[in-house]
Each structure stands twice: as structure tokens, then as C-alpha cells.
Amino acid sequence: MNTIPIDLKLHNDIRAVESARFAHQFREEEINQAIQDGKREITKLEEQEEIKRLRKELIPKAQLMPYFDRPFVPRRSEKQPTVPREPKFCIP
């Protein structure tokens, strides 16, 4: 009489496989989260640099002096003046 061993599937073995799968998935999510955080940090730094550059450009600068070699001489308008009219009120 030969004894044939039964292949037992213990609950601990099943839980160990599921736990390993969960741990692997959790590590992948942490890595993806770290990559996204890095990208966000880089874009945030780029935006801050852009804001600094724009603020530096917005510093008010002195305007050039106007040329006074040709003084302004106003001319008479060539248009005809408007003719005033009475308003038309609609009174019932």
C-alpha cells in the first residue's frame, strides 16, 4: 500500500500570495505617485521662474522725452457742426 500525499492548499499560502501581490501593486503605486510628485514639483518651479521673469520685465522704465522741435499747433476741424434737434418723447 502506497500512500499518496494530498496537495494541501492552506489558507496561509493563499493569503501570502495575495499579500505579495498587494505589496507589489502598492509599491508600483508609490513609485507612480513619486514620479507624478516630481513632475508637479518641476512644473511648479518652472511656473515660479516664469513669474519671476515676468515680474522683472514689468519693472517700470523711464519713457523717452517727447520731441519739442515741432510744436503742436491745433487746426480747425473740417467737419460740419451738428445741428441740435428737439427730443421726440412718446407721451400717451
PDB file of N, CA and C in Angstrom:
ATOM      1  N   MET A   1       0.791  -1.162   0.000  1.00  0.00           N
ATOM      2  CA  MET A   1       0.000   0.000   0.000  1.00  0.00           C
ATOM      3  C   MET A   1       0.858   1.259   0.000  1.00  0.00           C
ATOM      4  N   ASN A   2       0.700   1.955  -1.061  1.00  0.00           N
ATOM      5  CA  ASN A   2       1.444   3.202  -1.177  1.00  0.00           C
ATOM      6  C   ASN A   2       0.545   4.361  -0.757  1.00  0.00           C
ATOM      7  N   THR A   3       1.100   5.212   0.011  1.00  0.00           N
ATOM      8  CA  THR A   3       0.355   6.369   0.472  1.00  0.00           C
ATOM      9  C   THR A   3       0.610   7.516  -0.505  1.00  0.00           C
ATOM     10  N   ILE A   4      -0.450   8.097  -1.010  1.00  0.00           N
ATOM     11  CA  ILE A   4      -0.341   9.234  -1.933  1.00  0.00           C
ATOM     12  C   ILE A   4      -0.633  10.508  -1.133  1.00  0.00           C
ATOM     13  N   PRO A   5       0.353  11.416  -1.084  1.00  0.00           N
ATOM     14  CA  PRO A   5       0.126  12.632  -0.315  1.00  0.00           C
ATOM     15  C   PRO A   5      -0.880  13.553  -1.031  1.00  0.00           C
ATOM     16  N   ILE A   6      -1.703  14.192  -0.264  1.00  0.00           N
ATOM     17  CA  ILE A   6      -2.687  15.127  -0.790  1.00  0.00           C
ATOM     18  C   ILE A   6      -2.043  16.519  -0.829  1.00  0.00           C
ATOM     19  N   ASP A   7      -2.206  17.174  -1.974  1.00  0.00           N
ATOM     20  CA  ASP A   7      -1.664  18.536  -2.104  1.00  0.00           C
ATOM     21  C   ASP A   7      -2.605  19.481  -1.364  1.00  0.00           C
ATOM     22  N   LEU A   8      -2.161  19.940  -0.237  1.00  0.00           N
ATOM     23  CA  LEU A   8      -2.990  20.807   0.594  1.00  0.00           C
ATOM     24  C   LEU A   8      -2.794  22.274   0.196  1.00  0.00           C
ATOM     25  N   LYS A   9      -3.884  22.978   0.120  1.00  0.00           N
ATOM     26  CA  LYS A   9      -3.811  24.422  -0.110  1.00  0.00           C
ATOM     27  C   LYS A   9      -4.229  25.086   1.186  1.00  0.00           C
ATOM     28  N   LEU A  10      -3.236  25.551   1.898  1.00  0.00           N
ATOM     29  CA  LEU A  10      -3.513  26.180   3.174  1.00  0.00           C
ATOM     30  C   LEU A  10      -3.937  27.633   2.959  1.00  0.00           C
ATOM     31  N   HIS A  11      -4.769  28.102   3.845  1.00  0.00           N
ATOM     32  CA  HIS A  11      -5.239  29.483   3.780  1.00  0.00           C
ATOM     33  C   HIS A  11      -4.073  30.454   3.921  1.00  0.00           C
ATOM     34  N   ASN A  12      -3.074  30.113   4.695  1.00  0.00           N
ATOM     35  CA  ASN A  12      -1.898  30.972   4.877  1.00  0.00           C
ATOM     36  C   ASN A  12      -1.140  31.130   3.566  1.00  0.00           C
ATOM     37  N   ASP A  13      -1.047  30.049   2.782  1.00  0.00           N
ATOM     38  CA  ASP A  13      -0.343  30.131   1.494  1.00  0.00           C
ATOM     39  C   ASP A  13      -1.089  31.057   0.531  1.00  0.00           C
ATOM     40  N   ILE A  14      -2.398  30.936   0.504  1.00  0.00           N
ATOM     41  CA  ILE A  14      -3.205  31.789  -0.370  1.00  0.00           C
ATOM     42  C   ILE A  14      -3.080  33.252   0.048  1.00  0.00           C
ATOM     43  N   ARG A  15      -3.147  33.483   1.347  1.00  0.00           N
ATOM     44  CA  ARG A  15      -3.014  34.863   1.843  1.00  0.00           C
ATOM     45  C   ARG A  15      -1.625  35.422   1.579  1.00  0.00           C
ATOM     46  N   ALA A  16      -0.600  34.577   1.640  1.00  0.00           N
ATOM     47  CA  ALA A  16       0.763  35.047   1.371  1.00  0.00           C
ATOM     48  C   ALA A  16       0.891  35.501  -0.080  1.00  0.00           C
ATOM     49  N   VAL A  17       0.282  34.745  -1.015  1.00  0.00           N
ATOM     50  CA  VAL A  17       0.335  35.125  -2.425  1.00  0.00           C
ATOM     51  C   VAL A  17      -0.419  36.436  -2.637  1.00  0.00           C
ATOM     52  N   GLU A  18      -1.606  36.560  -2.064  1.00  0.00           N
ATOM     53  CA  GLU A  18      -2.387  37.786  -2.194  1.00  0.00           C
ATOM     54  C   GLU A  18      -1.678  38.974  -1.560  1.00  0.00           C
ATOM     55  N   SER A  19      -1.051  38.730  -0.416  1.00  0.00           N
ATOM     56  CA  SER A  19      -0.314  39.798   0.262  1.00  0.00           C
ATOM     57  C   SER A  19       0.865  40.263  -0.576  1.00  0.00           C
ATOM     58  N   ALA A  20       1.573  39.310  -1.194  1.00  0.00           N
ATOM     59  CA  ALA A  20       2.711  39.671  -2.048  1.00  0.00           C
ATOM     60  C   ALA A  20       2.229  40.467  -3.260  1.00  0.00           C
ATOM     61  N   ARG A  21       1.097  40.047  -3.851  1.00  0.00           N
ATOM     62  CA  ARG A  21       0.541  40.751  -4.999  1.00  0.00           C
ATOM     63  C   ARG A  21       0.135  42.168  -4.597  1.00  0.00           C
ATOM     64  N   PHE A  22      -0.499  42.305  -3.425  1.00  0.00           N
ATOM     65  CA  PHE A  22      -0.910  43.626  -2.942  1.00  0.00           C
ATOM     66  C   PHE A  22       0.305  44.512  -2.669  1.00  0.00           C
ATOM     67  N   ALA A  23       1.336  43.928  -2.041  1.00  0.00           N
ATOM     68  CA  ALA A  23       2.543  44.713  -1.739  1.00  0.00           C
ATOM     69  C   ALA A  23       3.204  45.195  -3.020  1.00  0.00           C
ATOM     70  N   HIS A  24       3.231  44.325  -4.040  1.00  0.00           N
ATOM     71  CA  HIS A  24       3.834  44.710  -5.322  1.00  0.00           C
ATOM     72  C   HIS A  24       3.034  45.843  -5.968  1.00  0.00           C
ATOM     73  N   GLN A  25       1.715  45.727  -5.943  1.00  0.00           N
ATOM     74  CA  GLN A  25       0.857  46.759  -6.509  1.00  0.00           C
ATOM     75  C   GLN A  25       1.003  48.067  -5.739  1.00  0.00           C
ATOM     76  N   PHE A  26       1.101  47.971  -4.424  1.00  0.00           N
ATOM     77  CA  PHE A  26       1.259  49.162  -3.586  1.00  0.00           C
ATOM     78  C   PHE A  26       2.571  49.870  -3.897  1.00  0.00           C
ATOM     79  N   ARG A  27       3.660  49.077  -4.076  1.00  0.00           N
ATOM     80  CA  ARG A  27       4.957  49.678  -4.414  1.00  0.00           C
ATOM     81  C   ARG A  27       4.906  50.374  -5.768  1.00  0.00           C
ATOM     82  N   GLU A  28       4.224  49.748  -6.739  1.00  0.00           N
ATOM     83  CA  GLU A  28       4.100  50.388  -8.053  1.00  0.00           C
ATOM     84  C   GLU A  28       3.341  51.706  -7.953  1.00  0.00           C
ATOM     85  N   GLU A  29       2.271  51.731  -7.161  1.00  0.00           N
ATOM     86  CA  GLU A  29       1.513  52.965  -6.984  1.00  0.00           C
ATOM     87  C   GLU A  29       2.345  54.037  -6.291  1.00  0.00           C
ATOM     88  N   GLU A  30       3.159  53.627  -5.309  1.00  0.00           N
ATOM     89  CA  GLU A  30       4.037  54.601  -4.642  1.00  0.00           C
ATOM     90  C   GLU A  30       5.040  55.178  -5.620  1.00  0.00           C
ATOM     91  N   ILE A  31       5.597  54.320  -6.486  1.00  0.00           N
ATOM     92  CA  ILE A  31       6.570  54.794  -7.472  1.00  0.00           C
ATOM     93  C   ILE A  31       5.899  55.764  -8.442  1.00  0.00           C
ATOM     94  N   ASN A  32       4.696  55.404  -8.922  1.00  0.00           N
ATOM     95  CA  ASN A  32       3.969  56.299  -9.835  1.00  0.00           C
ATOM     96  C   ASN A  32       3.642  57.627  -9.156  1.00  0.00           C
ATOM     97  N   GLN A  33       3.259  57.561  -7.897  1.00  0.00           N
ATOM     98  CA  GLN A  33       2.949  58.783  -7.153  1.00  0.00           C
ATOM     99  C   GLN A  33       4.196  59.654  -7.006  1.00  0.00           C
ATOM    100  N   ALA A  34       5.341  59.012  -6.732  1.00  0.00           N
ATOM    101  CA  ALA A  34       6.586  59.775  -6.600  1.00  0.00           C
ATOM    102  C   ALA A  34       6.952  60.442  -7.923  1.00  0.00           C
ATOM    103  N   ILE A  35       6.746  59.743  -9.035  1.00  0.00           N
ATOM    104  CA  ILE A  35       7.047  60.319 -10.346  1.00  0.00           C
ATOM    105  C   ILE A  35       6.132  61.508 -10.616  1.00  0.00           C
ATOM    106  N   GLN A  36       4.833  61.365 -10.309  1.00  0.00           N
ATOM    107  CA  GLN A  36       3.898  62.467 -10.521  1.00  0.00           C
ATOM    108  C   GLN A  36       4.234  63.657  -9.622  1.00  0.00           C
ATOM    109  N   ASP A  37       4.622  63.374  -8.369  1.00  0.00           N
ATOM    110  CA  ASP A  37       5.011  64.467  -7.470  1.00  0.00           C
ATOM    111  C   ASP A  37       6.231  65.198  -8.010  1.00  0.00           C
ATOM    112  N   GLY A  38       7.191  64.435  -8.555  1.00  0.00           N
ATOM    113  CA  GLY A  38       8.373  65.055  -9.145  1.00  0.00           C
ATOM    114  C   GLY A  38       8.014  65.945 -10.317  1.00  0.00           C
ATOM    115  N   LYS A  39       7.102  65.451 -11.170  1.00  0.00           N
ATOM    116  CA  LYS A  39       6.684  66.260 -12.321  1.00  0.00           C
ATOM    117  C   LYS A  39       5.970  67.522 -11.867  1.00  0.00           C
ATOM    118  N   ARG A  40       5.097  67.382 -10.854  1.00  0.00           N
ATOM    119  CA  ARG A  40       4.390  68.557 -10.339  1.00  0.00           C
ATOM    120  C   ARG A  40       5.379  69.574  -9.768  1.00  0.00           C
ATOM    121  N   GLU A  41       6.373  69.082  -9.053  1.00  0.00           N
ATOM    122  CA  GLU A  41       7.374  69.977  -8.456  1.00  0.00           C
ATOM    123  C   GLU A  41       8.142  70.718  -9.547  1.00  0.00           C
ATOM    124  N   ILE A  42       8.491  69.990 -10.613  1.00  0.00           N
ATOM    125  CA  ILE A  42       9.228  70.613 -11.717  1.00  0.00           C
ATOM    126  C   ILE A  42       8.369  71.689 -12.381  1.00  0.00           C
ATOM    127  N   THR A  43       7.096  71.378 -12.655  1.00  0.00           N
ATOM    128  CA  THR A  43       6.234  72.382 -13.290  1.00  0.00           C
ATOM    129  C   THR A  43       6.015  73.579 -12.369  1.00  0.00           C
ATOM    130  N   LYS A  44       5.916  73.317 -11.062  1.00  0.00           N
ATOM    131  CA  LYS A  44       5.743  74.421 -10.112  1.00  0.00           C
ATOM    132  C   LYS A  44       6.967  75.329 -10.120  1.00  0.00           C
ATOM    133  N   LEU A  45       8.173  74.731 -10.143  1.00  0.00           N
ATOM    134  CA  LEU A  45       9.395  75.533 -10.186  1.00  0.00           C
ATOM    135  C   LEU A  45       9.479  76.321 -11.492  1.00  0.00           C
ATOM    136  N   GLU A  46       9.077  75.683 -12.605  1.00  0.00           N
ATOM    137  CA  GLU A  46       9.104  76.392 -13.886  1.00  0.00           C
ATOM    138  C   GLU A  46       8.136  77.576 -13.873  1.00  0.00           C
ATOM    139  N   GLU A  47       6.956  77.378 -13.280  1.00  0.00           N
ATOM    140  CA  GLU A  47       5.993  78.478 -13.199  1.00  0.00           C
ATOM    141  C   GLU A  47       6.529  79.604 -12.328  1.00  0.00           C
ATOM    142  N   GLN A  48       7.197  79.258 -11.229  1.00  0.00           N
ATOM    143  CA  GLN A  48       7.761  80.296 -10.364  1.00  0.00           C
ATOM    144  C   GLN A  48       8.847  81.071 -11.100  1.00  0.00           C
ATOM    145  N   GLU A  49       9.679  80.366 -11.880  1.00  0.00           N
ATOM    146  CA  GLU A  49      10.715  81.050 -12.648  1.00  0.00           C
ATOM    147  C   GLU A  49      10.084  81.969 -13.699  1.00  0.00           C
ATOM    148  N   GLU A  50       9.004  81.502 -14.319  1.00  0.00           N
ATOM    149  CA  GLU A  50       8.306  82.321 -15.311  1.00  0.00           C
ATOM    150  C   GLU A  50       7.723  83.570 -14.659  1.00  0.00           C
ATOM    151  N   ILE A  51       7.151  83.417 -13.466  1.00  0.00           N
ATOM    152  CA  ILE A  51       6.593  84.565 -12.743  1.00  0.00           C
ATOM    153  C   ILE A  51       7.694  85.550 -12.385  1.00  0.00           C
ATOM    154  N   LYS A  52       8.836  85.050 -11.928  1.00  0.00           N
ATOM    155  CA  LYS A  52       9.962  85.938 -11.605  1.00  0.00           C
ATOM    156  C   LYS A  52      10.408  86.708 -12.836  1.00  0.00           C
ATOM    157  N   ARG A  53      10.491  86.002 -13.989  1.00  0.00           N
ATOM    158  CA  ARG A  53      10.947  86.644 -15.209  1.00  0.00           C
ATOM    159  C   ARG A  53       9.947  87.723 -15.649  1.00  0.00           C
ATOM    160  N   LEU A  54       8.643  87.408 -15.554  1.00  0.00           N
ATOM    161  CA  LEU A  54       7.631  88.394 -15.946  1.00  0.00           C
ATOM    162  C   LEU A  54       7.631  89.595 -15.017  1.00  0.00           C
ATOM    163  N   ARG A  55       7.824  89.364 -13.727  1.00  0.00           N
ATOM    164  CA  ARG A  55       7.870  90.490 -12.786  1.00  0.00           C
ATOM    165  C   ARG A  55       9.071  91.371 -13.057  1.00  0.00           C
ATOM    166  N   LYS A  56      10.183  90.746 -13.440  1.00  0.00           N
ATOM    167  CA  LYS A  56      11.377  91.525 -13.742  1.00  0.00           C
ATOM    168  C   LYS A  56      11.140  92.387 -14.978  1.00  0.00           C
ATOM    169  N   GLU A  57      10.380  91.848 -15.950  1.00  0.00           N
ATOM    170  CA  GLU A  57      10.080  92.621 -17.162  1.00  0.00           C
ATOM    171  C   GLU A  57       9.104  93.752 -16.875  1.00  0.00           C
ATOM    172  N   LEU A  58       8.255  93.603 -15.860  1.00  0.00           N
ATOM    173  CA  LEU A  58       7.225  94.591 -15.581  1.00  0.00           C
ATOM    174  C   LEU A  58       7.719  95.775 -14.758  1.00  0.00           C
ATOM    175  N   ILE A  59       8.996  95.811 -14.436  1.00  0.00           N
ATOM    176  CA  ILE A  59       9.533  96.947 -13.693  1.00  0.00           C
ATOM    177  C   ILE A  59       9.387  98.190 -14.573  1.00  0.00           C
ATOM    178  N   PRO A  60       8.763  99.235 -14.053  1.00  0.00           N
ATOM    179  CA  PRO A  60       8.531 100.415 -14.905  1.00  0.00           C
ATOM    180  C   PRO A  60       9.850 101.066 -15.326  1.00  0.00           C
ATOM    181  N   LYS A  61       9.902 101.398 -16.584  1.00  0.00           N
ATOM    182  CA  LYS A  61      11.097 102.035 -17.129  1.00  0.00           C
ATOM    183  C   LYS A  61      10.743 103.485 -17.490  1.00  0.00           C
ATOM    184  N   ALA A  62      11.738 104.355 -17.488  1.00  0.00           N
ATOM    185  CA  ALA A  62      11.524 105.757 -17.840  1.00  0.00           C
ATOM    186  C   ALA A  62      11.154 105.863 -19.311  1.00  0.00           C
ATOM    187  N   GLN A  63      10.205 106.753 -19.613  1.00  0.00           N
ATOM    188  CA  GLN A  63       9.784 106.929 -21.006  1.00  0.00           C
ATOM    189  C   GLN A  63      10.664 107.971 -21.668  1.00  0.00           C
ATOM    190  N   LEU A  64      10.752 107.848 -22.976  1.00  0.00           N
ATOM    191  CA  LEU A  64      11.568 108.783 -23.733  1.00  0.00           C
ATOM    192  C   LEU A  64      10.939 110.171 -23.717  1.00  0.00           C
ATOM    193  N   MET A  65      11.791 111.168 -23.781  1.00  0.00           N
ATOM    194  CA  MET A  65      11.313 112.546 -23.823  1.00  0.00           C
ATOM    195  C   MET A  65      10.684 112.819 -25.190  1.00  0.00           C
ATOM    196  N   PRO A  66       9.579 113.550 -25.196  1.00  0.00           N
ATOM    197  CA  PRO A  66       8.971 113.875 -26.496  1.00  0.00           C
ATOM    198  C   PRO A  66       9.824 114.901 -27.239  1.00  0.00           C
ATOM    199  N   TYR A  67       9.665 114.886 -28.557  1.00  0.00           N
ATOM    200  CA  TYR A  67      10.404 115.853 -29.378  1.00  0.00           C
ATOM    201  C   TYR A  67       9.640 117.172 -29.377  1.00  0.00           C
ATOM    202  N   PHE A  68      10.348 118.249 -29.001  1.00  0.00           N
ATOM    203  CA  PHE A  68       9.743 119.573 -28.974  1.00  0.00           C
ATOM    204  C   PHE A  68      10.198 120.427 -30.142  1.00  0.00           C
ATOM    205  N   ASP A  69      10.849 119.843 -31.120  1.00  0.00           N
ATOM    206  CA  ASP A  69      11.297 120.632 -32.267  1.00  0.00           C
ATOM    207  C   ASP A  69      10.123 120.976 -33.186  1.00  0.00           C
ATOM    208  N   ARG A  70       9.013 120.231 -33.116  1.00  0.00           N
ATOM    209  CA  ARG A  70       7.807 120.538 -33.883  1.00  0.00           C
ATOM    210  C   ARG A  70       6.680 120.771 -32.896  1.00  0.00           C
ATOM    211  N   PRO A  71       6.431 121.980 -32.494  1.00  0.00           N
ATOM    212  CA  PRO A  71       5.385 122.228 -31.507  1.00  0.00           C
ATOM    213  C   PRO A  71       4.006 121.907 -32.069  1.00  0.00           C
ATOM    214  N   PHE A  72       3.096 121.532 -31.208  1.00  0.00           N
ATOM    215  CA  PHE A  72       1.739 121.170 -31.602  1.00  0.00           C
ATOM    216  C   PHE A  72       0.928 122.429 -31.865  1.00  0.00           C
ATOM    217  N   VAL A  73       0.352 122.520 -33.068  1.00  0.00           N
ATOM    218  CA  VAL A  73      -0.492 123.646 -33.438  1.00  0.00           C
ATOM    219  C   VAL A  73      -1.853 123.062 -33.778  1.00  0.00           C
ATOM    220  N   PRO A  74      -2.870 123.345 -32.968  1.00  0.00           N
ATOM    221  CA  PRO A  74      -4.191 122.775 -33.267  1.00  0.00           C
ATOM    222  C   PRO A  74      -4.781 123.408 -34.521  1.00  0.00           C
ATOM    223  N   ARG A  75      -5.487 122.587 -35.311  1.00  0.00           N
ATOM    224  CA  ARG A  75      -6.131 123.082 -36.531  1.00  0.00           C
ATOM    225  C   ARG A  75      -7.636 123.063 -36.342  1.00  0.00           C
ATOM    226  N   ARG A  76      -8.286 123.860 -37.136  1.00  0.00           N
ATOM    227  CA  ARG A  76      -9.729 123.905 -37.112  1.00  0.00           C
ATOM    228  C   ARG A  76     -10.276 122.623 -37.715  1.00  0.00           C
ATOM    229  N   SER A  77     -11.356 122.123 -37.160  1.00  0.00           N
ATOM    230  CA  SER A  77     -11.956 120.909 -37.669  1.00  0.00           C
ATOM    231  C   SER A  77     -12.588 121.145 -39.023  1.00  0.00           C
ATOM    232  N   GLU A  78     -12.511 120.162 -39.894  1.00  0.00           N
ATOM    233  CA  GLU A  78     -13.082 120.266 -41.231  1.00  0.00           C
ATOM    234  C   GLU A  78     -14.508 119.748 -41.265  1.00  0.00           C
ATOM    235  N   LYS A  79     -14.984 119.137 -40.193  1.00  0.00           N
ATOM    236  CA  LYS A  79     -16.345 118.606 -40.142  1.00  0.00           C
ATOM    237  C   LYS A  79     -17.330 119.728 -39.842  1.00  0.00           C
ATOM    238  N   GLN A  80     -18.554 119.523 -40.328  1.00  0.00           N
ATOM    239  CA  GLN A  80     -19.620 120.473 -40.050  1.00  0.00           C
ATOM    240  C   GLN A  80     -20.123 120.251 -38.630  1.00  0.00           C
ATOM    241  N   PRO A  81     -20.493 121.312 -37.932  1.00  0.00           N
ATOM    242  CA  PRO A  81     -21.022 121.110 -36.578  1.00  0.00           C
ATOM    243  C   PRO A  81     -22.383 120.424 -36.636  1.00  0.00           C
ATOM    244  N   THR A  82     -22.719 119.710 -35.593  1.00  0.00           N
ATOM    245  CA  THR A  82     -24.001 119.004 -35.557  1.00  0.00           C
ATOM    246  C   THR A  82     -25.128 119.993 -35.340  1.00  0.00           C
ATOM    247  N   VAL A  83     -26.288 119.643 -35.894  1.00  0.00           N
ATOM    248  CA  VAL A  83     -27.460 120.501 -35.774  1.00  0.00           C
ATOM    249  C   VAL A  83     -28.294 119.965 -34.620  1.00  0.00           C
ATOM    250  N   PRO A  84     -28.576 120.769 -33.602  1.00  0.00           N
ATOM    251  CA  PRO A  84     -29.369 120.267 -32.481  1.00  0.00           C
ATOM    252  C   PRO A  84     -30.821 120.087 -32.876  1.00  0.00           C
ATOM    253  N   ARG A  85     -31.481 119.066 -32.286  1.00  0.00           N
ATOM    254  CA  ARG A  85     -32.896 118.813 -32.541  1.00  0.00           C
ATOM    255  C   ARG A  85     -33.591 118.611 -31.207  1.00  0.00           C
ATOM    256  N   GLU A  86     -34.873 118.811 -31.260  1.00  0.00           N
ATOM    257  CA  GLU A  86     -35.690 118.569 -30.076  1.00  0.00           C
ATOM    258  C   GLU A  86     -35.850 117.075 -29.899  1.00  0.00           C
ATOM    259  N   PRO A  87     -35.841 116.591 -28.651  1.00  0.00           N
ATOM    260  CA  PRO A  87     -36.079 115.159 -28.467  1.00  0.00           C
ATOM    261  C   PRO A  87     -37.538 114.804 -28.729  1.00  0.00           C
ATOM    262  N   LYS A  88     -37.762 113.624 -29.243  1.00  0.00           N
ATOM    263  CA  LYS A  88     -39.130 113.167 -29.529  1.00  0.00           C
ATOM    264  C   LYS A  88     -39.564 112.227 -28.414  1.00  0.00           C
ATOM    265  N   PHE A  89     -40.293 112.770 -27.457  1.00  0.00           N
ATOM    266  CA  PHE A  89     -40.791 111.964 -26.358  1.00  0.00           C
ATOM    267  C   PHE A  89     -42.126 111.350 -26.761  1.00  0.00           C
ATOM    268  N   CYS A  90     -42.350 110.148 -26.375  1.00  0.00           N
ATOM    269  CA  CYS A  90     -43.611 109.479 -26.661  1.00  0.00           C
ATOM    270  C   CYS A  90     -44.456 109.530 -25.396  1.00  0.00           C
ATOM    271  N   ILE A  91     -45.338 110.528 -25.307  1.00  0.00           N
ATOM    272  CA  ILE A  91     -46.164 110.697 -24.118  1.00  0.00           C
ATOM    273  C   ILE A  91     -47.576 110.268 -24.482  1.00  0.00           C
ATOM    274  N   PRO A  92     -48.154 109.298 -23.775  1.00  0.00           N
ATOM    275  CA  PRO A  92     -49.514 108.852 -24.103  1.00  0.00           C
ATOM    276  C   PRO A  92     -50.596 109.759 -23.602  1.00  0.00           C
TER     277      PRO A  92
END
